[in-house]
Amino acid sequence: MSPTVRVGETATLVSSLVDQLSQRLTDDAAPERFVVGLVGAPGSGKSTIAADLEDQLKEAGIFAGLVAMDGFHLSDAVLDELGRHDRKGAPDTFDVEGYLATLDRVRADGAHQVLVPVYRRDLHEPVAAGGIVSGTGIVITEGNYLALETRGWGAVRERIDLLIHIDVPEEVLVVRLINRHEDFGKNALDAGHWVRTVDLPNARLIATSVHRCDEVWREPEDDPDSDDDVDADDELE
């Protein structure tokens, strides 16, 4: 089955999702923790959407925690040892087994407290036990390869109850990513080279697994089939 495409302003889509999740948790068959995944290319806005979703889930009293895939980056020292530092962010530069084990712990019966790693962009390194999943409700997980079928990632999908692909045109991604790399210290030439040789190949790989997602979200201006007169709310029905 193809994923459902939802076109609308991100804030509207997030609010609608929170309403849906609140209703779903009232079901007697609902798990103690329901895992929502946000997947997409580098620069697609996953982290921003995850933060907005987290805020609204907290307001609704149903947020249990965040498990970001980036927390499972291999350290720079390990990447150097393995000879993979020049493609940091590629599928083989993460601790996939550690990510899977953490998702299993999060989903285990009893809603035990789970400490999770986080990625510090200021350090460019993962930090152990930087976050916590506690209590019942919604767990957000976000990252690039949540729907990937190969390279050890295939089992991630079965641990996510609702998986949403954030779809952004490549030309928009390029501008965002170059700006991001420059903000973190690269010069314009190095930033462009990294986007061309690392980020875009990863983005194109991610695009091959969209069919494994439950939903695809697009902003109206990014939707090739959208009508300027269509209200975003209509797309959510």
C-alpha atoms as a PDB file:
ATOM      1  CA  MET A   1       0.000   0.000   0.000  1.00  0.00           C
ATOM      2  CA  SER A   2       1.275   3.471  -0.880  1.00  0.00           C
ATOM      3  CA  PRO A   3       1.766   5.999   1.925  1.00  0.00           C
ATOM      4  CA  THR A   4      -0.864   8.658   2.499  1.00  0.00           C
ATOM      5  CA  VAL A   5       0.295  12.052   1.222  1.00  0.00           C
ATOM      6  CA  ARG A   6      -0.573  15.008   3.428  1.00  0.00           C
ATOM      7  CA  VAL A   7       0.005  18.524   2.112  1.00  0.00           C
ATOM      8  CA  GLY A   8      -0.158  21.457   4.481  1.00  0.00           C
ATOM      9  CA  GLU A   9       1.712  23.844   6.716  1.00  0.00           C
ATOM     10  CA  THR A  10       3.863  21.873   9.122  1.00  0.00           C
ATOM     11  CA  ALA A  11       2.228  23.393  12.210  1.00  0.00           C
ATOM     12  CA  THR A  12      -1.185  22.276  10.955  1.00  0.00           C
ATOM     13  CA  LEU A  13       0.028  18.759  10.191  1.00  0.00           C
ATOM     14  CA  VAL A  14       1.648  18.429  13.613  1.00  0.00           C
ATOM     15  CA  SER A  15      -1.470  19.641  15.431  1.00  0.00           C
ATOM     16  CA  SER A  16      -3.616  17.185  13.497  1.00  0.00           C
ATOM     17  CA  LEU A  17      -1.192  14.368  14.328  1.00  0.00           C
ATOM     18  CA  VAL A  18      -1.308  15.164  18.049  1.00  0.00           C
ATOM     19  CA  ASP A  19      -5.124  14.996  17.955  1.00  0.00           C
ATOM     20  CA  GLN A  20      -4.964  11.627  16.189  1.00  0.00           C
ATOM     21  CA  LEU A  21      -2.431  10.254  18.657  1.00  0.00           C
ATOM     22  CA  SER A  22      -4.436  11.439  21.646  1.00  0.00           C
ATOM     23  CA  GLN A  23      -7.454   9.550  20.338  1.00  0.00           C
ATOM     24  CA  ARG A  24      -5.402   6.462  19.525  1.00  0.00           C
ATOM     25  CA  LEU A  25      -4.036   6.226  23.062  1.00  0.00           C
ATOM     26  CA  THR A  26      -7.575   5.953  24.437  1.00  0.00           C
ATOM     27  CA  ASP A  27      -7.965   2.605  22.688  1.00  0.00           C
ATOM     28  CA  ASP A  28      -7.856  -0.289  25.158  1.00  0.00           C
ATOM     29  CA  ALA A  29      -5.493  -2.109  22.783  1.00  0.00           C
ATOM     30  CA  ALA A  30      -3.020   0.792  22.592  1.00  0.00           C
ATOM     31  CA  PRO A  31       0.541  -0.030  23.694  1.00  0.00           C
ATOM     32  CA  GLU A  32       2.038   1.663  26.742  1.00  0.00           C
ATOM     33  CA  ARG A  33       4.360   3.486  24.383  1.00  0.00           C
ATOM     34  CA  PHE A  34       3.486   4.290  20.784  1.00  0.00           C
ATOM     35  CA  VAL A  35       6.519   5.055  18.598  1.00  0.00           C
ATOM     36  CA  VAL A  36       6.204   7.763  15.944  1.00  0.00           C
ATOM     37  CA  GLY A  37       9.061   8.026  13.443  1.00  0.00           C
ATOM     38  CA  LEU A  38      10.045  11.046  11.357  1.00  0.00           C
ATOM     39  CA  VAL A  39      12.300  10.195   8.433  1.00  0.00           C
ATOM     40  CA  GLY A  40      13.734  12.213   5.583  1.00  0.00           C
ATOM     41  CA  ALA A  41      16.844  13.525   3.900  1.00  0.00           C
ATOM     42  CA  PRO A  42      19.456  15.620   5.675  1.00  0.00           C
ATOM     43  CA  GLY A  43      18.077  19.168   5.859  1.00  0.00           C
ATOM     44  CA  SER A  44      14.431  18.123   5.499  1.00  0.00           C
ATOM     45  CA  GLY A  45      13.488  19.648   8.854  1.00  0.00           C
ATOM     46  CA  LYS A  46      13.006  16.459  10.882  1.00  0.00           C
ATOM     47  CA  SER A  47      14.562  17.852  14.060  1.00  0.00           C
ATOM     48  CA  THR A  48      12.481  21.029  13.926  1.00  0.00           C
ATOM     49  CA  ILE A  49       9.282  19.053  13.377  1.00  0.00           C
ATOM     50  CA  ALA A  50      10.236  16.632  16.156  1.00  0.00           C
ATOM     51  CA  ALA A  51      10.741  19.561  18.559  1.00  0.00           C
ATOM     52  CA  ASP A  52       7.346  21.043  17.634  1.00  0.00           C
ATOM     53  CA  LEU A  53       5.697  17.639  18.018  1.00  0.00           C
ATOM     54  CA  GLU A  54       7.394  17.146  21.389  1.00  0.00           C
ATOM     55  CA  ASP A  55       6.113  20.513  22.653  1.00  0.00           C
ATOM     56  CA  GLN A  56       2.549  19.766  21.617  1.00  0.00           C
ATOM     57  CA  LEU A  57       2.637  16.230  23.028  1.00  0.00           C
ATOM     58  CA  LYS A  58       3.857  17.638  26.337  1.00  0.00           C
ATOM     59  CA  GLU A  59       0.971  20.117  26.348  1.00  0.00           C
ATOM     60  CA  ALA A  60      -1.391  17.199  25.756  1.00  0.00           C
ATOM     61  CA  GLY A  61       0.272  15.213  28.560  1.00  0.00           C
ATOM     62  CA  ILE A  62       1.192  12.244  26.344  1.00  0.00           C
ATOM     63  CA  PHE A  63       4.932  12.657  25.649  1.00  0.00           C
ATOM     64  CA  ALA A  64       7.190   9.833  26.867  1.00  0.00           C
ATOM     65  CA  GLY A  65      10.508  10.738  25.261  1.00  0.00           C
ATOM     66  CA  LEU A  66      12.716  11.227  22.203  1.00  0.00           C
ATOM     67  CA  VAL A  67      15.072   8.668  20.660  1.00  0.00           C
ATOM     68  CA  ALA A  68      17.003  10.437  17.902  1.00  0.00           C
ATOM     69  CA  MET A  69      18.887   8.252  15.448  1.00  0.00           C
ATOM     70  CA  ASP A  70      21.745  10.761  15.438  1.00  0.00           C
ATOM     71  CA  GLY A  71      22.546   9.788  19.026  1.00  0.00           C
ATOM     72  CA  PHE A  72      23.852   6.535  17.561  1.00  0.00           C
ATOM     73  CA  HIS A  73      26.506   8.182  15.369  1.00  0.00           C
ATOM     74  CA  LEU A  74      29.858   6.452  15.679  1.00  0.00           C
ATOM     75  CA  SER A  75      32.362   8.685  17.432  1.00  0.00           C
ATOM     76  CA  ASP A  76      34.963  10.511  15.364  1.00  0.00           C
ATOM     77  CA  ALA A  77      37.656   8.301  16.877  1.00  0.00           C
ATOM     78  CA  VAL A  78      35.852   5.138  15.738  1.00  0.00           C
ATOM     79  CA  LEU A  79      35.150   6.624  12.306  1.00  0.00           C
ATOM     80  CA  ASP A  80      38.855   7.400  11.948  1.00  0.00           C
ATOM     81  CA  GLU A  81      39.749   3.854  12.981  1.00  0.00           C
ATOM     82  CA  LEU A  82      37.317   2.405  10.440  1.00  0.00           C
ATOM     83  CA  GLY A  83      38.312   4.835   7.694  1.00  0.00           C
ATOM     84  CA  ARG A  84      34.795   6.255   7.355  1.00  0.00           C
ATOM     85  CA  HIS A  85      35.189   9.783   8.689  1.00  0.00           C
ATOM     86  CA  ASP A  86      35.063  11.300   5.199  1.00  0.00           C
ATOM     87  CA  ARG A  87      31.457  10.120   4.796  1.00  0.00           C
ATOM     88  CA  LYS A  88      30.143  10.726   8.305  1.00  0.00           C
ATOM     89  CA  GLY A  89      26.346  10.517   8.162  1.00  0.00           C
ATOM     90  CA  ALA A  90      26.236   7.606   5.698  1.00  0.00           C
ATOM     91  CA  PRO A  91      24.326   4.458   6.750  1.00  0.00           C
ATOM     92  CA  ASP A  92      27.472   2.609   7.857  1.00  0.00           C
ATOM     93  CA  THR A  93      28.545   5.380  10.250  1.00  0.00           C
ATOM     94  CA  PHE A  94      25.917   4.593  12.905  1.00  0.00           C
ATOM     95  CA  ASP A  95      25.527   1.956  15.613  1.00  0.00           C
ATOM     96  CA  VAL A  96      22.443   0.343  14.080  1.00  0.00           C
ATOM     97  CA  GLU A  97      22.361  -2.560  16.541  1.00  0.00           C
ATOM     98  CA  GLY A  98      22.494  -0.136  19.460  1.00  0.00           C
ATOM     99  CA  TYR A  99      19.603   1.844  17.972  1.00  0.00           C
ATOM    100  CA  LEU A 100      17.525  -1.321  17.531  1.00  0.00           C
ATOM    101  CA  ALA A 101      18.271  -2.455  21.087  1.00  0.00           C
ATOM    102  CA  THR A 102      17.210   0.918  22.470  1.00  0.00           C
ATOM    103  CA  LEU A 103      13.942   0.866  20.530  1.00  0.00           C
ATOM    104  CA  ASP A 104      13.299  -2.626  21.908  1.00  0.00           C
ATOM    105  CA  ARG A 105      13.897  -1.391  25.449  1.00  0.00           C
ATOM    106  CA  VAL A 106      11.577   1.556  24.863  1.00  0.00           C
ATOM    107  CA  ARG A 107       8.814  -0.726  23.575  1.00  0.00           C
ATOM    108  CA  ALA A 108       9.172  -3.405  26.273  1.00  0.00           C
ATOM    109  CA  ASP A 109       6.215  -4.068  28.568  1.00  0.00           C
ATOM    110  CA  GLY A 110       6.300  -2.248  31.876  1.00  0.00           C
ATOM    111  CA  ALA A 111       7.306   1.188  30.523  1.00  0.00           C
ATOM    112  CA  HIS A 112      10.702   1.088  32.198  1.00  0.00           C
ATOM    113  CA  GLN A 113      12.818   4.226  32.266  1.00  0.00           C
ATOM    114  CA  VAL A 114      15.323   4.174  29.383  1.00  0.00           C
ATOM    115  CA  LEU A 115      18.387   6.409  29.073  1.00  0.00           C
ATOM    116  CA  VAL A 116      19.257   7.246  25.472  1.00  0.00           C
ATOM    117  CA  PRO A 117      22.238   8.883  23.745  1.00  0.00           C
ATOM    118  CA  VAL A 118      22.012  12.267  22.037  1.00  0.00           C
ATOM    119  CA  TYR A 119      24.089  13.934  19.324  1.00  0.00           C
ATOM    120  CA  ARG A 120      25.695  17.262  20.227  1.00  0.00           C
ATOM    121  CA  ARG A 121      26.092  19.338  17.073  1.00  0.00           C
ATOM    122  CA  ASP A 122      28.361  21.766  18.892  1.00  0.00           C
ATOM    123  CA  LEU A 123      30.722  18.877  19.693  1.00  0.00           C
ATOM    124  CA  HIS A 124      30.022  16.872  16.507  1.00  0.00           C
ATOM    125  CA  GLU A 125      29.912  13.823  18.783  1.00  0.00           C
ATOM    126  CA  PRO A 126      27.314  11.517  20.414  1.00  0.00           C
ATOM    127  CA  VAL A 127      26.892  11.771  24.188  1.00  0.00           C
ATOM    128  CA  ALA A 128      25.781   8.723  26.175  1.00  0.00           C
ATOM    129  CA  ALA A 129      22.671   8.887  28.404  1.00  0.00           C
ATOM    130  CA  GLY A 130      21.896  12.430  27.284  1.00  0.00           C
ATOM    131  CA  GLY A 131      18.130  11.878  27.165  1.00  0.00           C
ATOM    132  CA  ILE A 132      15.476   9.894  28.950  1.00  0.00           C
ATOM    133  CA  VAL A 133      12.295   8.021  28.014  1.00  0.00           C
ATOM    134  CA  SER A 134       9.988   7.739  30.987  1.00  0.00           C
ATOM    135  CA  GLY A 135       6.338   6.914  31.594  1.00  0.00           C
ATOM    136  CA  THR A 136       3.729   5.992  29.029  1.00  0.00           C
ATOM    137  CA  GLY A 137       2.575   7.757  25.868  1.00  0.00           C
ATOM    138  CA  ILE A 138       4.240   8.773  22.611  1.00  0.00           C
ATOM    139  CA  VAL A 139       7.913   8.238  21.848  1.00  0.00           C
ATOM    140  CA  ILE A 140       9.355  10.217  18.934  1.00  0.00           C
ATOM    141  CA  THR A 141      12.240   8.846  16.932  1.00  0.00           C
ATOM    142  CA  GLU A 142      13.713  10.725  14.001  1.00  0.00           C
ATOM    143  CA  GLY A 143      16.539  10.251  11.536  1.00  0.00           C
ATOM    144  CA  ASN A 144      17.587   9.612   7.966  1.00  0.00           C
ATOM    145  CA  TYR A 145      17.423   5.837   7.640  1.00  0.00           C
ATOM    146  CA  LEU A 146      14.345   4.715   9.565  1.00  0.00           C
ATOM    147  CA  ALA A 147      12.757   3.234   6.429  1.00  0.00           C
ATOM    148  CA  LEU A 148      15.904   1.905   4.770  1.00  0.00           C
ATOM    149  CA  GLU A 149      15.672  -1.766   3.804  1.00  0.00           C
ATOM    150  CA  THR A 150      19.383  -2.537   3.481  1.00  0.00           C
ATOM    151  CA  ARG A 151      22.708  -2.283   5.318  1.00  0.00           C
ATOM    152  CA  GLY A 152      21.289  -3.553   8.600  1.00  0.00           C
ATOM    153  CA  TRP A 153      18.543  -0.942   8.841  1.00  0.00           C
ATOM    154  CA  GLY A 154      15.579  -3.018   7.684  1.00  0.00           C
ATOM    155  CA  ALA A 155      14.528  -4.085  11.180  1.00  0.00           C
ATOM    156  CA  VAL A 156      14.040  -0.491  12.345  1.00  0.00           C
ATOM    157  CA  ARG A 157      10.752  -0.148  10.481  1.00  0.00           C
ATOM    158  CA  GLU A 158       9.025  -2.946  12.395  1.00  0.00           C
ATOM    159  CA  ARG A 159       9.770  -1.137  15.662  1.00  0.00           C
ATOM    160  CA  ILE A 160       7.949   2.036  14.605  1.00  0.00           C
ATOM    161  CA  ASP A 161       4.159   2.228  14.828  1.00  0.00           C
ATOM    162  CA  LEU A 162       3.680   5.271  12.577  1.00  0.00           C
ATOM    163  CA  LEU A 163       6.401   6.356  10.154  1.00  0.00           C
ATOM    164  CA  ILE A 164       6.219   9.736   8.401  1.00  0.00           C
ATOM    165  CA  HIS A 165       8.495  10.784   5.538  1.00  0.00           C
ATOM    166  CA  ILE A 166       9.236  14.519   5.358  1.00  0.00           C
ATOM    167  CA  ASP A 167       9.474  15.288   1.641  1.00  0.00           C
ATOM    168  CA  VAL A 168      11.477  18.331   0.519  1.00  0.00           C
ATOM    169  CA  PRO A 169      12.690  19.052  -3.050  1.00  0.00           C
ATOM    170  CA  GLU A 170      16.379  18.488  -3.659  1.00  0.00           C
ATOM    171  CA  GLU A 171      17.014  22.085  -4.693  1.00  0.00           C
ATOM    172  CA  VAL A 172      15.686  23.270  -1.331  1.00  0.00           C
ATOM    173  CA  LEU A 173      17.799  20.724   0.520  1.00  0.00           C
ATOM    174  CA  VAL A 174      20.990  21.873  -1.196  1.00  0.00           C
ATOM    175  CA  VAL A 175      20.582  25.473  -0.025  1.00  0.00           C
ATOM    176  CA  ARG A 176      19.684  24.446   3.512  1.00  0.00           C
ATOM    177  CA  LEU A 177      22.581  22.010   3.786  1.00  0.00           C
ATOM    178  CA  ILE A 178      25.226  24.395   2.467  1.00  0.00           C
ATOM    179  CA  ASN A 179      24.035  27.022   4.929  1.00  0.00           C
ATOM    180  CA  ARG A 180      24.100  24.465   7.759  1.00  0.00           C
ATOM    181  CA  HIS A 181      27.654  23.361   7.016  1.00  0.00           C
ATOM    182  CA  GLU A 182      28.825  26.958   6.797  1.00  0.00           C
ATOM    183  CA  ASP A 183      27.150  27.702  10.140  1.00  0.00           C
ATOM    184  CA  PHE A 184      29.175  24.869  11.665  1.00  0.00           C
ATOM    185  CA  GLY A 185      32.484  26.136  10.348  1.00  0.00           C
ATOM    186  CA  LYS A 186      33.006  24.892   6.796  1.00  0.00           C
ATOM    187  CA  ASN A 187      33.899  27.379   4.082  1.00  0.00           C
ATOM    188  CA  ALA A 188      31.612  27.656   1.053  1.00  0.00           C
ATOM    189  CA  LEU A 189      33.786  25.388  -1.121  1.00  0.00           C
ATOM    190  CA  ASP A 190      34.046  22.618   1.469  1.00  0.00           C
ATOM    191  CA  ALA A 191      30.340  22.910   2.304  1.00  0.00           C
ATOM    192  CA  GLY A 192      29.355  22.521  -1.348  1.00  0.00           C
ATOM    193  CA  HIS A 193      31.700  19.568  -1.784  1.00  0.00           C
ATOM    194  CA  TRP A 194      30.288  17.782   1.266  1.00  0.00           C
ATOM    195  CA  VAL A 195      26.702  18.327   0.112  1.00  0.00           C
ATOM    196  CA  ARG A 196      27.499  17.047  -3.372  1.00  0.00           C
ATOM    197  CA  THR A 197      29.536  13.986  -2.320  1.00  0.00           C
ATOM    198  CA  VAL A 198      27.900  12.937   0.971  1.00  0.00           C
ATOM    199  CA  ASP A 199      24.537  14.583   1.689  1.00  0.00           C
ATOM    200  CA  LEU A 200      22.902  14.289  -1.736  1.00  0.00           C
ATOM    201  CA  PRO A 201      23.834  10.621  -2.280  1.00  0.00           C
ATOM    202  CA  ASN A 202      22.383   9.896   1.170  1.00  0.00           C
ATOM    203  CA  ALA A 203      19.222  11.871   0.331  1.00  0.00           C
ATOM    204  CA  ARG A 204      18.744   9.897  -2.880  1.00  0.00           C
ATOM    205  CA  LEU A 205      19.214   6.631  -1.006  1.00  0.00           C
ATOM    206  CA  ILE A 206      16.597   7.684   1.560  1.00  0.00           C
ATOM    207  CA  ALA A 207      14.149   8.461  -1.251  1.00  0.00           C
ATOM    208  CA  THR A 208      14.230   4.813  -2.383  1.00  0.00           C
ATOM    209  CA  SER A 209      12.456   3.676   0.803  1.00  0.00           C
ATOM    210  CA  VAL A 210       9.545   6.136   0.935  1.00  0.00           C
ATOM    211  CA  HIS A 211       7.156   3.297   0.058  1.00  0.00           C
ATOM    212  CA  ARG A 212       7.784   1.758   3.490  1.00  0.00           C
ATOM    213  CA  CYS A 213       6.337   4.802   5.269  1.00  0.00           C
ATOM    214  CA  ASP A 214       2.759   5.312   6.412  1.00  0.00           C
ATOM    215  CA  GLU A 215       2.558   8.986   5.464  1.00  0.00           C
ATOM    216  CA  VAL A 216       4.397  11.575   3.385  1.00  0.00           C
ATOM    217  CA  TRP A 217       4.277  15.216   4.483  1.00  0.00           C
ATOM    218  CA  ARG A 218       4.850  18.126   2.116  1.00  0.00           C
ATOM    219  CA  GLU A 219       4.594  21.868   2.420  1.00  0.00           C
ATOM    220  CA  PRO A 220       2.119  23.292  -0.160  1.00  0.00           C
ATOM    221  CA  GLU A 221       4.867  25.127  -2.069  1.00  0.00           C
ATOM    222  CA  ASP A 222       6.834  21.866  -2.340  1.00  0.00           C
ATOM    223  CA  ASP A 223       3.980  19.741  -3.697  1.00  0.00           C
ATOM    224  CA  PRO A 224       4.110  19.341  -7.493  1.00  0.00           C
ATOM    225  CA  ASP A 225       0.402  18.468  -7.612  1.00  0.00           C
ATOM    226  CA  SER A 226      -0.910  21.099  -5.218  1.00  0.00           C
ATOM    227  CA  ASP A 227      -3.472  23.713  -6.202  1.00  0.00           C
ATOM    228  CA  ASP A 228      -2.801  27.162  -4.771  1.00  0.00           C
ATOM    229  CA  ASP A 229      -6.492  27.382  -3.879  1.00  0.00           C
ATOM    230  CA  VAL A 230      -6.500  24.157  -1.828  1.00  0.00           C
ATOM    231  CA  ASP A 231      -6.747  24.663   1.940  1.00  0.00           C
ATOM    232  CA  ALA A 232      -4.202  22.641   3.911  1.00  0.00           C
ATOM    233  CA  ASP A 233      -6.942  21.531   6.304  1.00  0.00           C
ATOM    234  CA  ASP A 234      -8.788  19.863   3.433  1.00  0.00           C
ATOM    235  CA  GLU A 235      -5.733  17.721   2.750  1.00  0.00           C
ATOM    236  CA  LEU A 236      -5.914  16.252   6.232  1.00  0.00           C
ATOM    237  CA  GLU A 237      -9.401  14.806   5.878  1.00  0.00           C
END
